[in-house]
Amino acid sequence: MLSGVEVRPLHDEAELSFIVGIEREVFGELAWTQDMLIKEYESPGSQIMVLRYGDRVIGYLIFRKFIDEVEVLRFAVSPNYQGRGYGRLLFKKFLEEMKKSEIKNIYLEVSPTNFRAIRIYESEGFKKIGRRKNYYSNGEDALVLNLKIGG
C-alpha cells in the first residue's frame, strides 16, 4: 500500500467538505453540490469510501447497493494526487470489499474521454455493455460498463 494512505468508509459529514472540493476540481460544471452529496450520504443503500492521506481526504468512491448489484455513482481523486496510483488503490480496495459480499454485478457509467478511469476499469475486468446518449448535462455520452464478480 502507498505509505501514509488509508481507505475506509466515510465517518461523518465533516469529511464531505473535502469531497465537495474534489468534485469541483475534477468535474467542474458537472460537479455534485454539497446538498447532493449529503442527500446521497443519507440515502439508504448508498455508501462512500474515502481515500485519506494524512489528515485529508484525497479521493472517494460513492456507490449504491441493490440486493446483489452495485452501481458506482462517483469516483475521483484530487488532481494533485492523480497519476500516482491512488485511484487504482481506492478502486482495488472497493472491489475487494465487494468480492467479500454477496454482490454479483457492478455497473458504472464513464465518459468516453476519461481515459485514466477507463484504463483502471478495464484492467480490473470491466466490459463495455452499452452507451447512453447525451447522458451528461453537457451533452456528452456515457459508456456503461459491467463487472461480473459472483454467481
Protein backbone atom coordinates (compact mmCIF):
# COMPACT_ATOMS: atom_id res chain seq x y z
CA MET A 1 0.00 0.00 0.00
CA LEU A 2 1.17 3.53 -0.64
CA SER A 3 2.71 4.96 2.53
CA GLY A 4 0.51 7.11 4.76
CA VAL A 5 -2.68 6.21 2.90
CA GLU A 6 -5.89 4.81 4.37
CA VAL A 7 -9.04 3.60 2.59
CA ARG A 8 -12.15 3.40 4.74
CA PRO A 9 -15.86 4.25 4.86
CA LEU A 10 -16.78 7.92 5.27
CA HIS A 11 -17.11 8.57 9.01
CA ASP A 12 -19.12 11.77 9.15
CA GLU A 13 -20.49 14.69 7.19
CA ALA A 14 -17.46 16.84 8.09
CA GLU A 15 -15.39 14.82 5.61
CA LEU A 16 -17.83 15.76 2.87
CA SER A 17 -16.21 19.21 2.62
CA PHE A 18 -13.11 17.54 1.15
CA ILE A 19 -15.28 15.66 -1.33
CA VAL A 20 -17.07 18.87 -2.39
CA GLY A 21 -13.68 20.42 -3.19
CA ILE A 22 -12.52 17.41 -5.18
CA GLU A 23 -15.85 17.34 -7.06
CA ARG A 24 -15.31 20.93 -8.21
CA GLU A 25 -11.69 20.32 -9.18
CA VAL A 26 -12.36 17.11 -11.09
CA PHE A 27 -15.84 17.53 -12.57
CA GLY A 28 -16.18 21.32 -12.95
CA GLU A 29 -19.67 22.14 -14.23
CA LEU A 30 -20.72 18.52 -13.73
CA ALA A 31 -19.77 18.51 -10.02
CA TRP A 32 -22.28 17.42 -7.42
CA THR A 33 -23.18 20.10 -4.88
CA GLN A 34 -22.77 19.69 -1.13
CA ASP A 35 -26.55 19.22 -0.82
CA MET A 36 -26.46 16.44 -3.43
CA LEU A 37 -23.59 14.73 -1.61
CA ILE A 38 -25.33 14.96 1.77
CA LYS A 39 -28.53 13.56 0.27
CA GLU A 40 -26.59 10.64 -1.22
CA TYR A 41 -24.72 10.06 2.06
CA GLU A 42 -28.05 9.84 3.91
CA SER A 43 -29.73 7.68 1.27
CA PRO A 44 -30.38 4.02 2.19
CA GLY A 45 -28.11 1.69 0.26
CA SER A 46 -25.57 4.40 -0.54
CA GLN A 47 -22.05 4.18 0.76
CA ILE A 48 -18.99 6.37 0.44
CA MET A 49 -15.42 5.11 0.66
CA VAL A 50 -12.71 7.69 1.21
CA LEU A 51 -9.02 7.67 0.46
CA ARG A 52 -7.16 9.60 3.16
CA TYR A 53 -3.59 10.82 3.03
CA GLY A 54 -2.57 12.19 6.41
CA ASP A 55 -5.40 14.31 7.73
CA ARG A 56 -7.22 14.94 4.48
CA VAL A 57 -9.46 13.10 2.05
CA ILE A 58 -7.78 12.96 -1.36
CA GLY A 59 -10.22 10.63 -3.13
CA TYR A 60 -13.58 8.96 -2.80
CA LEU A 61 -15.91 6.43 -4.34
CA ILE A 62 -19.69 6.66 -3.95
CA PHE A 63 -21.79 3.60 -4.68
CA ARG A 64 -25.24 2.21 -4.13
CA LYS A 65 -26.10 -1.41 -3.37
CA PHE A 66 -29.27 -3.04 -4.72
CA ILE A 67 -29.60 -6.59 -3.37
CA ASP A 68 -26.77 -8.33 -5.27
CA GLU A 69 -25.75 -5.45 -7.55
CA VAL A 70 -23.77 -2.26 -7.10
CA GLU A 71 -23.77 0.92 -9.13
CA VAL A 72 -20.72 3.17 -8.85
CA LEU A 73 -22.03 6.74 -8.84
CA ARG A 74 -18.87 8.82 -8.36
CA PHE A 75 -15.16 8.07 -8.27
CA ALA A 76 -12.48 10.75 -8.13
CA VAL A 77 -9.04 11.61 -6.83
CA SER A 78 -7.80 15.14 -6.26
CA PRO A 79 -5.85 16.35 -9.31
CA ASN A 80 -2.78 16.90 -7.10
CA TYR A 81 -2.68 13.13 -6.46
CA GLN A 82 -3.71 11.77 -9.86
CA GLY A 83 -1.38 9.60 -11.92
CA ARG A 84 0.39 8.17 -8.85
CA GLY A 85 -1.64 5.02 -8.20
CA TYR A 86 -4.03 6.43 -5.59
CA GLY A 87 -7.14 5.98 -7.73
CA ARG A 88 -6.18 2.43 -8.60
CA LEU A 89 -5.60 1.68 -4.91
CA LEU A 90 -9.01 3.06 -3.93
CA PHE A 91 -10.77 1.15 -6.69
CA LYS A 92 -8.99 -2.12 -5.82
CA LYS A 93 -10.00 -1.76 -2.16
CA PHE A 94 -13.59 -1.15 -3.26
CA LEU A 95 -13.52 -4.30 -5.41
CA GLU A 96 -12.01 -6.35 -2.56
CA GLU A 97 -14.92 -5.32 -0.33
CA MET A 98 -17.48 -6.16 -3.00
CA LYS A 99 -15.94 -9.59 -3.59
CA LYS A 100 -16.30 -10.37 0.14
CA SER A 101 -20.03 -9.64 -0.05
CA GLU A 102 -22.98 -11.15 -1.93
CA ILE A 103 -22.51 -8.77 -4.86
CA LYS A 104 -22.66 -10.40 -8.29
CA ASN A 105 -22.53 -7.41 -10.64
CA ILE A 106 -21.01 -3.95 -10.56
CA TYR A 107 -22.19 -1.30 -13.02
CA LEU A 108 -20.92 2.17 -13.78
CA GLU A 109 -21.07 4.93 -16.36
CA VAL A 110 -17.95 6.71 -17.55
CA SER A 111 -17.22 9.45 -20.04
CA PRO A 112 -15.60 8.02 -23.20
CA THR A 113 -12.91 10.71 -22.81
CA ASN A 114 -11.99 9.75 -19.22
CA PHE A 115 -9.09 7.59 -20.33
CA ARG A 116 -7.47 7.20 -16.89
CA ALA A 117 -10.66 5.83 -15.35
CA ILE A 118 -11.35 3.58 -18.33
CA ARG A 119 -7.84 2.09 -18.02
CA ILE A 120 -8.46 1.30 -14.35
CA TYR A 121 -11.87 -0.26 -15.06
CA GLU A 122 -10.65 -2.36 -17.99
CA SER A 123 -7.60 -3.56 -16.05
CA GLU A 124 -9.98 -4.86 -13.38
CA GLY A 125 -12.08 -6.77 -15.93
CA PHE A 126 -14.96 -4.39 -16.65
CA LYS A 127 -16.60 -4.81 -20.04
CA LYS A 128 -18.49 -2.26 -22.11
CA ILE A 129 -22.15 -3.28 -22.30
CA GLY A 130 -23.72 -0.14 -23.70
CA ARG A 131 -23.71 3.58 -24.35
CA ARG A 132 -26.09 6.22 -23.01
CA LYS A 133 -26.54 9.05 -25.49
CA ASN A 134 -26.39 12.59 -24.08
CA TYR A 135 -26.04 11.19 -20.56
CA TYR A 136 -24.17 14.08 -19.00
CA SER A 137 -25.62 17.58 -18.62
CA ASN A 138 -23.01 18.87 -21.09
CA GLY A 139 -24.43 16.54 -23.79
CA GLU A 140 -21.61 14.00 -23.63
CA ASP A 141 -22.42 10.30 -23.92
CA ALA A 142 -21.54 7.76 -21.24
CA LEU A 143 -20.15 4.27 -21.65
CA VAL A 144 -21.91 1.67 -19.49
CA LEU A 145 -19.51 -0.88 -18.01
CA ASN A 146 -20.14 -4.07 -16.05
CA LEU A 147 -18.06 -6.44 -13.96
CA LYS A 148 -19.47 -9.85 -13.02
CA ILE A 149 -17.89 -10.96 -9.75
CA GLY A 150 -20.09 -13.71 -8.40
CA GLY A 151 -22.55 -16.47 -9.08
